[in-house]
Amino acid sequence: MKNIVFTIKNEEGLHARPATDFCETAISFASAVTVHKEGESEIFDAKSLLSILCLGAVKGDTIRISAEGDDEEQALEALRSALEKT
């Protein structure tokens, strides 16, 4: 299992459009991908739009994205890229 940490930079946080892009990116990989907000214990499925919206990540929040599977490194890099574009 690999992890990355990312700080949300988008003024509106991880709202509907970037959350959709994030989920679509996660779905394109075979690895299991989860995300949680630093300082909180709840873990969310990155392949579920509803889960990502429930995460409630706003500008300045730090999230940890974890991936486990054959393409975990590629998945994490693609998810980082998707978040940087928002």
PDB file of N, CA and C in Angstrom:
ATOM      1  N   MET A   1       0.849  -1.186   0.000  1.00  0.00           N
ATOM      2  CA  MET A   1       0.000   0.000   0.000  1.00  0.00           C
ATOM      3  C   MET A   1       0.884   1.236   0.000  1.00  0.00           C
ATOM      4  N   LYS A   2       0.516   2.170  -0.846  1.00  0.00           N
ATOM      5  CA  LYS A   2       1.237   3.443  -0.952  1.00  0.00           C
ATOM      6  C   LYS A   2       0.277   4.571  -0.587  1.00  0.00           C
ATOM      7  N   ASN A   3       0.849   5.689  -0.118  1.00  0.00           N
ATOM      8  CA  ASN A   3       0.062   6.854   0.297  1.00  0.00           C
ATOM      9  C   ASN A   3       0.687   8.129  -0.238  1.00  0.00           C
ATOM     10  N   ILE A   4      -0.157   9.129  -0.443  1.00  0.00           N
ATOM     11  CA  ILE A   4       0.313  10.487  -0.686  1.00  0.00           C
ATOM     12  C   ILE A   4      -0.519  11.427   0.178  1.00  0.00           C
ATOM     13  N   VAL A   5       0.051  12.565   0.476  1.00  0.00           N
ATOM     14  CA  VAL A   5      -0.648  13.602   1.236  1.00  0.00           C
ATOM     15  C   VAL A   5      -0.783  14.805   0.322  1.00  0.00           C
ATOM     16  N   PHE A   6      -1.967  15.411   0.323  1.00  0.00           N
ATOM     17  CA  PHE A   6      -2.237  16.542  -0.560  1.00  0.00           C
ATOM     18  C   PHE A   6      -3.024  17.591   0.211  1.00  0.00           C
ATOM     19  N   THR A   7      -2.653  18.849   0.057  1.00  0.00           N
ATOM     20  CA  THR A   7      -3.397  19.959   0.665  1.00  0.00           C
ATOM     21  C   THR A   7      -4.294  20.573  -0.395  1.00  0.00           C
ATOM     22  N   ILE A   8      -5.579  20.669  -0.090  1.00  0.00           N
ATOM     23  CA  ILE A   8      -6.566  21.215  -1.024  1.00  0.00           C
ATOM     24  C   ILE A   8      -6.281  22.698  -1.248  1.00  0.00           C
ATOM     25  N   LYS A   9      -6.146  23.082  -2.513  1.00  0.00           N
ATOM     26  CA  LYS A   9      -5.824  24.467  -2.858  1.00  0.00           C
ATOM     27  C   LYS A   9      -6.998  25.210  -3.488  1.00  0.00           C
ATOM     28  N   ASN A  10      -7.967  24.473  -4.001  1.00  0.00           N
ATOM     29  CA  ASN A  10      -9.131  25.069  -4.656  1.00  0.00           C
ATOM     30  C   ASN A  10      -9.920  25.910  -3.654  1.00  0.00           C
ATOM     31  N   GLU A  11     -10.270  27.120  -4.038  1.00  0.00           N
ATOM     32  CA  GLU A  11     -11.012  28.034  -3.162  1.00  0.00           C
ATOM     33  C   GLU A  11     -12.318  27.428  -2.647  1.00  0.00           C
ATOM     34  N   GLU A  12     -12.956  26.597  -3.461  1.00  0.00           N
ATOM     35  CA  GLU A  12     -14.242  26.008  -3.080  1.00  0.00           C
ATOM     36  C   GLU A  12     -14.098  24.593  -2.549  1.00  0.00           C
ATOM     37  N   GLY A  13     -12.878  24.134  -2.353  1.00  0.00           N
ATOM     38  CA  GLY A  13     -12.650  22.800  -1.819  1.00  0.00           C
ATOM     39  C   GLY A  13     -12.908  21.721  -2.854  1.00  0.00           C
ATOM     40  N   LEU A  14     -13.149  20.529  -2.361  1.00  0.00           N
ATOM     41  CA  LEU A  14     -13.387  19.385  -3.235  1.00  0.00           C
ATOM     42  C   LEU A  14     -14.884  19.269  -3.472  1.00  0.00           C
ATOM     43  N   HIS A  15     -15.413  20.240  -4.231  1.00  0.00           N
ATOM     44  CA  HIS A  15     -16.854  20.304  -4.510  1.00  0.00           C
ATOM     45  C   HIS A  15     -17.192  19.405  -5.694  1.00  0.00           C
ATOM     46  N   ALA A  16     -18.395  19.483  -6.218  1.00  0.00           N
ATOM     47  CA  ALA A  16     -18.936  18.524  -7.185  1.00  0.00           C
ATOM     48  C   ALA A  16     -18.044  18.255  -8.401  1.00  0.00           C
ATOM     49  N   ARG A  17     -17.614  19.286  -9.094  1.00  0.00           N
ATOM     50  CA  ARG A  17     -16.843  19.044 -10.327  1.00  0.00           C
ATOM     51  C   ARG A  17     -15.488  18.404 -10.048  1.00  0.00           C
ATOM     52  N   PRO A  18     -14.657  18.950  -9.154  1.00  0.00           N
ATOM     53  CA  PRO A  18     -13.383  18.282  -8.897  1.00  0.00           C
ATOM     54  C   PRO A  18     -13.556  16.917  -8.238  1.00  0.00           C
ATOM     55  N   ALA A  19     -14.593  16.754  -7.444  1.00  0.00           N
ATOM     56  CA  ALA A  19     -14.854  15.445  -6.833  1.00  0.00           C
ATOM     57  C   ALA A  19     -15.201  14.424  -7.907  1.00  0.00           C
ATOM     58  N   THR A  20     -15.959  14.843  -8.908  1.00  0.00           N
ATOM     59  CA  THR A  20     -16.299  13.953 -10.018  1.00  0.00           C
ATOM     60  C   THR A  20     -15.045  13.560 -10.796  1.00  0.00           C
ATOM     61  N   ASP A  21     -14.190  14.523 -11.101  1.00  0.00           N
ATOM     62  CA  ASP A  21     -12.937  14.234 -11.805  1.00  0.00           C
ATOM     63  C   ASP A  21     -12.065  13.281 -10.991  1.00  0.00           C
ATOM     64  N   PHE A  22     -12.001  13.516  -9.691  1.00  0.00           N
ATOM     65  CA  PHE A  22     -11.210  12.682  -8.795  1.00  0.00           C
ATOM     66  C   PHE A  22     -11.726  11.240  -8.812  1.00  0.00           C
ATOM     67  N   CYS A  23     -13.044  11.076  -8.681  1.00  0.00           N
ATOM     68  CA  CYS A  23     -13.650   9.736  -8.684  1.00  0.00           C
ATOM     69  C   CYS A  23     -13.458   9.033 -10.017  1.00  0.00           C
ATOM     70  N   GLU A  24     -13.668   9.743 -11.111  1.00  0.00           N
ATOM     71  CA  GLU A  24     -13.493   9.132 -12.428  1.00  0.00           C
ATOM     72  C   GLU A  24     -12.054   8.663 -12.626  1.00  0.00           C
ATOM     73  N   THR A  25     -11.115   9.424 -12.106  1.00  0.00           N
ATOM     74  CA  THR A  25      -9.713   9.025 -12.190  1.00  0.00           C
ATOM     75  C   THR A  25      -9.479   7.771 -11.353  1.00  0.00           C
ATOM     76  N   ALA A  26      -9.985   7.751 -10.132  1.00  0.00           N
ATOM     77  CA  ALA A  26      -9.814   6.592  -9.255  1.00  0.00           C
ATOM     78  C   ALA A  26     -10.420   5.332  -9.870  1.00  0.00           C
ATOM     79  N   ILE A  27     -11.600   5.479 -10.471  1.00  0.00           N
ATOM     80  CA  ILE A  27     -12.304   4.342 -11.075  1.00  0.00           C
ATOM     81  C   ILE A  27     -11.502   3.733 -12.223  1.00  0.00           C
ATOM     82  N   SER A  28     -10.686   4.528 -12.876  1.00  0.00           N
ATOM     83  CA  SER A  28      -9.943   4.039 -14.040  1.00  0.00           C
ATOM     84  C   SER A  28      -8.781   3.109 -13.663  1.00  0.00           C
ATOM     85  N   PHE A  29      -8.537   2.917 -12.376  1.00  0.00           N
ATOM     86  CA  PHE A  29      -7.452   2.050 -11.921  1.00  0.00           C
ATOM     87  C   PHE A  29      -8.008   0.832 -11.194  1.00  0.00           C
ATOM     88  N   ALA A  30      -7.282  -0.268 -11.275  1.00  0.00           N
ATOM     89  CA  ALA A  30      -7.705  -1.512 -10.619  1.00  0.00           C
ATOM     90  C   ALA A  30      -7.481  -1.467  -9.108  1.00  0.00           C
ATOM     91  N   SER A  31      -6.529  -0.688  -8.649  1.00  0.00           N
ATOM     92  CA  SER A  31      -6.209  -0.627  -7.226  1.00  0.00           C
ATOM     93  C   SER A  31      -7.381  -0.122  -6.401  1.00  0.00           C
ATOM     94  N   ALA A  32      -7.455  -0.604  -5.170  1.00  0.00           N
ATOM     95  CA  ALA A  32      -8.404  -0.063  -4.191  1.00  0.00           C
ATOM     96  C   ALA A  32      -7.846   1.283  -3.744  1.00  0.00           C
ATOM     97  N   VAL A  33      -8.675   2.316  -3.749  1.00  0.00           N
ATOM     98  CA  VAL A  33      -8.212   3.660  -3.410  1.00  0.00           C
ATOM     99  C   VAL A  33      -9.127   4.235  -2.336  1.00  0.00           C
ATOM    100  N   THR A  34      -8.517   4.729  -1.265  1.00  0.00           N
ATOM    101  CA  THR A  34      -9.281   5.358  -0.192  1.00  0.00           C
ATOM    102  C   THR A  34      -8.689   6.734   0.097  1.00  0.00           C
ATOM    103  N   VAL A  35      -9.480   7.546   0.771  1.00  0.00           N
ATOM    104  CA  VAL A  35      -9.039   8.901   1.116  1.00  0.00           C
ATOM    105  C   VAL A  35      -9.617   9.263   2.476  1.00  0.00           C
ATOM    106  N   HIS A  36      -8.830   9.990   3.253  1.00  0.00           N
ATOM    107  CA  HIS A  36      -9.366  10.532   4.504  1.00  0.00           C
ATOM    108  C   HIS A  36      -8.702  11.867   4.804  1.00  0.00           C
ATOM    109  N   LYS A  37      -9.441  12.670   5.546  1.00  0.00           N
ATOM    110  CA  LYS A  37      -8.956  13.995   5.924  1.00  0.00           C
ATOM    111  C   LYS A  37      -8.078  13.829   7.159  1.00  0.00           C
ATOM    112  N   GLU A  38      -6.894  14.438   7.118  1.00  0.00           N
ATOM    113  CA  GLU A  38      -5.977  14.365   8.246  1.00  0.00           C
ATOM    114  C   GLU A  38      -6.671  14.877   9.510  1.00  0.00           C
ATOM    115  N   GLY A  39      -6.457  14.179  10.599  1.00  0.00           N
ATOM    116  CA  GLY A  39      -7.055  14.566  11.874  1.00  0.00           C
ATOM    117  C   GLY A  39      -8.413  13.941  12.121  1.00  0.00           C
ATOM    118  N   GLU A  40      -8.934  13.224  11.142  1.00  0.00           N
ATOM    119  CA  GLU A  40     -10.219  12.545  11.289  1.00  0.00           C
ATOM    120  C   GLU A  40     -10.016  11.062  11.034  1.00  0.00           C
ATOM    121  N   SER A  41     -10.887  10.243  11.600  1.00  0.00           N
ATOM    122  CA  SER A  41     -10.696   8.800  11.506  1.00  0.00           C
ATOM    123  C   SER A  41     -11.472   8.139  10.373  1.00  0.00           C
ATOM    124  N   GLU A  42     -12.503   8.782   9.849  1.00  0.00           N
ATOM    125  CA  GLU A  42     -13.329   8.154   8.827  1.00  0.00           C
ATOM    126  C   GLU A  42     -12.583   8.061   7.499  1.00  0.00           C
ATOM    127  N   ILE A  43     -12.669   6.881   6.885  1.00  0.00           N
ATOM    128  CA  ILE A  43     -12.008   6.616   5.613  1.00  0.00           C
ATOM    129  C   ILE A  43     -13.082   6.459   4.543  1.00  0.00           C
ATOM    130  N   PHE A  44     -12.848   7.091   3.375  1.00  0.00           N
ATOM    131  CA  PHE A  44     -13.830   7.113   2.305  1.00  0.00           C
ATOM    132  C   PHE A  44     -13.303   6.404   1.066  1.00  0.00           C
ATOM    133  N   ASP A  45     -14.203   5.774   0.323  1.00  0.00           N
ATOM    134  CA  ASP A  45     -13.883   5.115  -0.939  1.00  0.00           C
ATOM    135  C   ASP A  45     -13.717   6.181  -2.013  1.00  0.00           C
ATOM    136  N   ALA A  46     -12.531   6.263  -2.600  1.00  0.00           N
ATOM    137  CA  ALA A  46     -12.249   7.291  -3.606  1.00  0.00           C
ATOM    138  C   ALA A  46     -12.993   7.055  -4.914  1.00  0.00           C
ATOM    139  N   LYS A  47     -13.582   5.877  -5.077  1.00  0.00           N
ATOM    140  CA  LYS A  47     -14.304   5.563  -6.309  1.00  0.00           C
ATOM    141  C   LYS A  47     -15.792   5.866  -6.185  1.00  0.00           C
ATOM    142  N   SER A  48     -16.196   6.454  -5.074  1.00  0.00           N
ATOM    143  CA  SER A  48     -17.595   6.800  -4.828  1.00  0.00           C
ATOM    144  C   SER A  48     -17.737   8.319  -4.726  1.00  0.00           C
ATOM    145  N   LEU A  49     -18.478   8.907  -5.642  1.00  0.00           N
ATOM    146  CA  LEU A  49     -18.677  10.357  -5.621  1.00  0.00           C
ATOM    147  C   LEU A  49     -19.320  10.799  -4.315  1.00  0.00           C
ATOM    148  N   LEU A  50     -20.315  10.077  -3.861  1.00  0.00           N
ATOM    149  CA  LEU A  50     -20.981  10.434  -2.607  1.00  0.00           C
ATOM    150  C   LEU A  50     -19.994  10.418  -1.440  1.00  0.00           C
ATOM    151  N   SER A  51     -19.113   9.432  -1.417  1.00  0.00           N
ATOM    152  CA  SER A  51     -18.107   9.367  -0.353  1.00  0.00           C
ATOM    153  C   SER A  51     -17.186  10.575  -0.391  1.00  0.00           C
ATOM    154  N   ILE A  52     -16.749  10.957  -1.577  1.00  0.00           N
ATOM    155  CA  ILE A  52     -15.840  12.096  -1.703  1.00  0.00           C
ATOM    156  C   ILE A  52     -16.531  13.390  -1.267  1.00  0.00           C
ATOM    157  N   LEU A  53     -17.787  13.536  -1.631  1.00  0.00           N
ATOM    158  CA  LEU A  53     -18.525  14.728  -1.206  1.00  0.00           C
ATOM    159  C   LEU A  53     -18.726  14.727   0.313  1.00  0.00           C
ATOM    160  N   CYS A  54     -18.937  13.545   0.904  1.00  0.00           N
ATOM    161  CA  CYS A  54     -19.098  13.438   2.362  1.00  0.00           C
ATOM    162  C   CYS A  54     -17.799  13.730   3.105  1.00  0.00           C
ATOM    163  N   LEU A  55     -16.680  13.580   2.415  1.00  0.00           N
ATOM    164  CA  LEU A  55     -15.383  13.895   3.010  1.00  0.00           C
ATOM    165  C   LEU A  55     -15.356  15.344   3.498  1.00  0.00           C
ATOM    166  N   GLY A  56     -15.998  16.229   2.733  1.00  0.00           N
ATOM    167  CA  GLY A  56     -16.111  17.629   3.135  1.00  0.00           C
ATOM    168  C   GLY A  56     -14.794  18.380   3.137  1.00  0.00           C
ATOM    169  N   ALA A  57     -13.917  18.067   2.201  1.00  0.00           N
ATOM    170  CA  ALA A  57     -12.609  18.722   2.150  1.00  0.00           C
ATOM    171  C   ALA A  57     -12.741  20.138   1.598  1.00  0.00           C
ATOM    172  N   VAL A  58     -12.237  21.101   2.355  1.00  0.00           N
ATOM    173  CA  VAL A  58     -12.264  22.509   1.957  1.00  0.00           C
ATOM    174  C   VAL A  58     -10.827  23.012   1.795  1.00  0.00           C
ATOM    175  N   LYS A  59     -10.696  24.204   1.236  1.00  0.00           N
ATOM    176  CA  LYS A  59      -9.375  24.782   1.009  1.00  0.00           C
ATOM    177  C   LYS A  59      -8.569  24.755   2.310  1.00  0.00           C
ATOM    178  N   GLY A  60      -7.340  24.265   2.187  1.00  0.00           N
ATOM    179  CA  GLY A  60      -6.443  24.201   3.333  1.00  0.00           C
ATOM    180  C   GLY A  60      -6.447  22.859   4.055  1.00  0.00           C
ATOM    181  N   ASP A  61      -7.465  22.019   3.809  1.00  0.00           N
ATOM    182  CA  ASP A  61      -7.497  20.690   4.421  1.00  0.00           C
ATOM    183  C   ASP A  61      -6.432  19.815   3.800  1.00  0.00           C
ATOM    184  N   THR A  62      -5.850  18.962   4.612  1.00  0.00           N
ATOM    185  CA  THR A  62      -4.877  17.991   4.131  1.00  0.00           C
ATOM    186  C   THR A  62      -5.558  16.635   4.097  1.00  0.00           C
ATOM    187  N   ILE A  63      -5.448  15.971   2.942  1.00  0.00           N
ATOM    188  CA  ILE A  63      -6.037  14.651   2.804  1.00  0.00           C
ATOM    189  C   ILE A  63      -4.927  13.632   2.514  1.00  0.00           C
ATOM    190  N   ARG A  64      -5.167  12.405   2.942  1.00  0.00           N
ATOM    191  CA  ARG A  64      -4.251  11.304   2.651  1.00  0.00           C
ATOM    192  C   ARG A  64      -4.973  10.347   1.717  1.00  0.00           C
ATOM    193  N   ILE A  65      -4.341  10.081   0.584  1.00  0.00           N
ATOM    194  CA  ILE A  65      -4.889   9.164  -0.415  1.00  0.00           C
ATOM    195  C   ILE A  65      -4.045   7.899  -0.370  1.00  0.00           C
ATOM    196  N   SER A  66      -4.714   6.751  -0.233  1.00  0.00           N
ATOM    197  CA  SER A  66      -4.028   5.463  -0.170  1.00  0.00           C
ATOM    198  C   SER A  66      -4.497   4.593  -1.320  1.00  0.00           C
ATOM    199  N   ALA A  67      -3.568   3.860  -1.902  1.00  0.00           N
ATOM    200  CA  ALA A  67      -3.904   2.933  -2.977  1.00  0.00           C
ATOM    201  C   ALA A  67      -3.195   1.616  -2.730  1.00  0.00           C
ATOM    202  N   GLU A  68      -3.905   0.532  -3.043  1.00  0.00           N
ATOM    203  CA  GLU A  68      -3.317  -0.794  -2.888  1.00  0.00           C
ATOM    204  C   GLU A  68      -3.702  -1.641  -4.089  1.00  0.00           C
ATOM    205  N   GLY A  69      -2.687  -2.130  -4.782  1.00  0.00           N
ATOM    206  CA  GLY A  69      -2.929  -2.955  -5.964  1.00  0.00           C
ATOM    207  C   GLY A  69      -1.777  -2.855  -6.940  1.00  0.00           C
ATOM    208  N   ASP A  70      -1.926  -3.532  -8.055  1.00  0.00           N
ATOM    209  CA  ASP A  70      -0.850  -3.594  -9.051  1.00  0.00           C
ATOM    210  C   ASP A  70      -0.493  -2.241  -9.651  1.00  0.00           C
ATOM    211  N   ASP A  71      -1.466  -1.344  -9.742  1.00  0.00           N
ATOM    212  CA  ASP A  71      -1.208  -0.037 -10.364  1.00  0.00           C
ATOM    213  C   ASP A  71      -1.298   1.114  -9.352  1.00  0.00           C
ATOM    214  N   GLU A  72      -0.968   0.824  -8.094  1.00  0.00           N
ATOM    215  CA  GLU A  72      -1.122   1.821  -7.031  1.00  0.00           C
ATOM    216  C   GLU A  72      -0.306   3.087  -7.263  1.00  0.00           C
ATOM    217  N   GLU A  73       0.928   2.951  -7.721  1.00  0.00           N
ATOM    218  CA  GLU A  73       1.758   4.140  -7.942  1.00  0.00           C
ATOM    219  C   GLU A  73       1.192   5.025  -9.044  1.00  0.00           C
ATOM    220  N   GLN A  74       0.755   4.405 -10.128  1.00  0.00           N
ATOM    221  CA  GLN A  74       0.165   5.154 -11.236  1.00  0.00           C
ATOM    222  C   GLN A  74      -1.133   5.822 -10.795  1.00  0.00           C
ATOM    223  N   ALA A  75      -1.921   5.118  -9.991  1.00  0.00           N
ATOM    224  CA  ALA A  75      -3.185   5.672  -9.502  1.00  0.00           C
ATOM    225  C   ALA A  75      -2.935   6.910  -8.650  1.00  0.00           C
ATOM    226  N   LEU A  76      -1.990   6.833  -7.743  1.00  0.00           N
ATOM    227  CA  LEU A  76      -1.710   7.972  -6.868  1.00  0.00           C
ATOM    228  C   LEU A  76      -1.193   9.171  -7.651  1.00  0.00           C
ATOM    229  N   GLU A  77      -0.345   8.937  -8.617  1.00  0.00           N
ATOM    230  CA  GLU A  77       0.168  10.049  -9.430  1.00  0.00           C
ATOM    231  C   GLU A  77      -0.955  10.694 -10.236  1.00  0.00           C
ATOM    232  N   ALA A  78      -1.831   9.871 -10.800  1.00  0.00           N
ATOM    233  CA  ALA A  78      -2.954  10.415 -11.572  1.00  0.00           C
ATOM    234  C   ALA A  78      -3.929  11.181 -10.681  1.00  0.00           C
ATOM    235  N   LEU A  79      -4.147  10.709  -9.470  1.00  0.00           N
ATOM    236  CA  LEU A  79      -5.046  11.409  -8.540  1.00  0.00           C
ATOM    237  C   LEU A  79      -4.432  12.725  -8.080  1.00  0.00           C
ATOM    238  N   ARG A  80      -3.137  12.729  -7.841  1.00  0.00           N
ATOM    239  CA  ARG A  80      -2.460  13.983  -7.475  1.00  0.00           C
ATOM    240  C   ARG A  80      -2.620  14.998  -8.613  1.00  0.00           C
ATOM    241  N   SER A  81      -2.405  14.534  -9.828  1.00  0.00           N
ATOM    242  CA  SER A  81      -2.535  15.401 -11.001  1.00  0.00           C
ATOM    243  C   SER A  81      -3.960  15.938 -11.128  1.00  0.00           C
ATOM    244  N   ALA A  82      -4.940  15.079 -10.910  1.00  0.00           N
ATOM    245  CA  ALA A  82      -6.345  15.512 -11.000  1.00  0.00           C
ATOM    246  C   ALA A  82      -6.636  16.599  -9.950  1.00  0.00           C
ATOM    247  N   LEU A  83      -6.113  16.460  -8.756  1.00  0.00           N
ATOM    248  CA  LEU A  83      -6.350  17.465  -7.719  1.00  0.00           C
ATOM    249  C   LEU A  83      -5.605  18.762  -8.005  1.00  0.00           C
ATOM    250  N   GLU A  84      -4.444  18.677  -8.581  1.00  0.00           N
ATOM    251  CA  GLU A  84      -3.676  19.879  -8.898  1.00  0.00           C
ATOM    252  C   GLU A  84      -4.336  20.716  -9.992  1.00  0.00           C
ATOM    253  N   LYS A  85      -5.142  20.093 -10.839  1.00  0.00           N
ATOM    254  CA  LYS A  85      -5.809  20.805 -11.926  1.00  0.00           C
ATOM    255  C   LYS A  85      -7.039  21.587 -11.451  1.00  0.00           C
ATOM    256  N   THR A  86      -7.481  21.327 -10.233  1.00  0.00           N
ATOM    257  CA  THR A  86      -8.700  22.002  -9.751  1.00  0.00           C
ATOM    258  C   THR A  86      -8.383  23.304  -9.084  1.00  0.00           C
TER     259      THR A  86
END
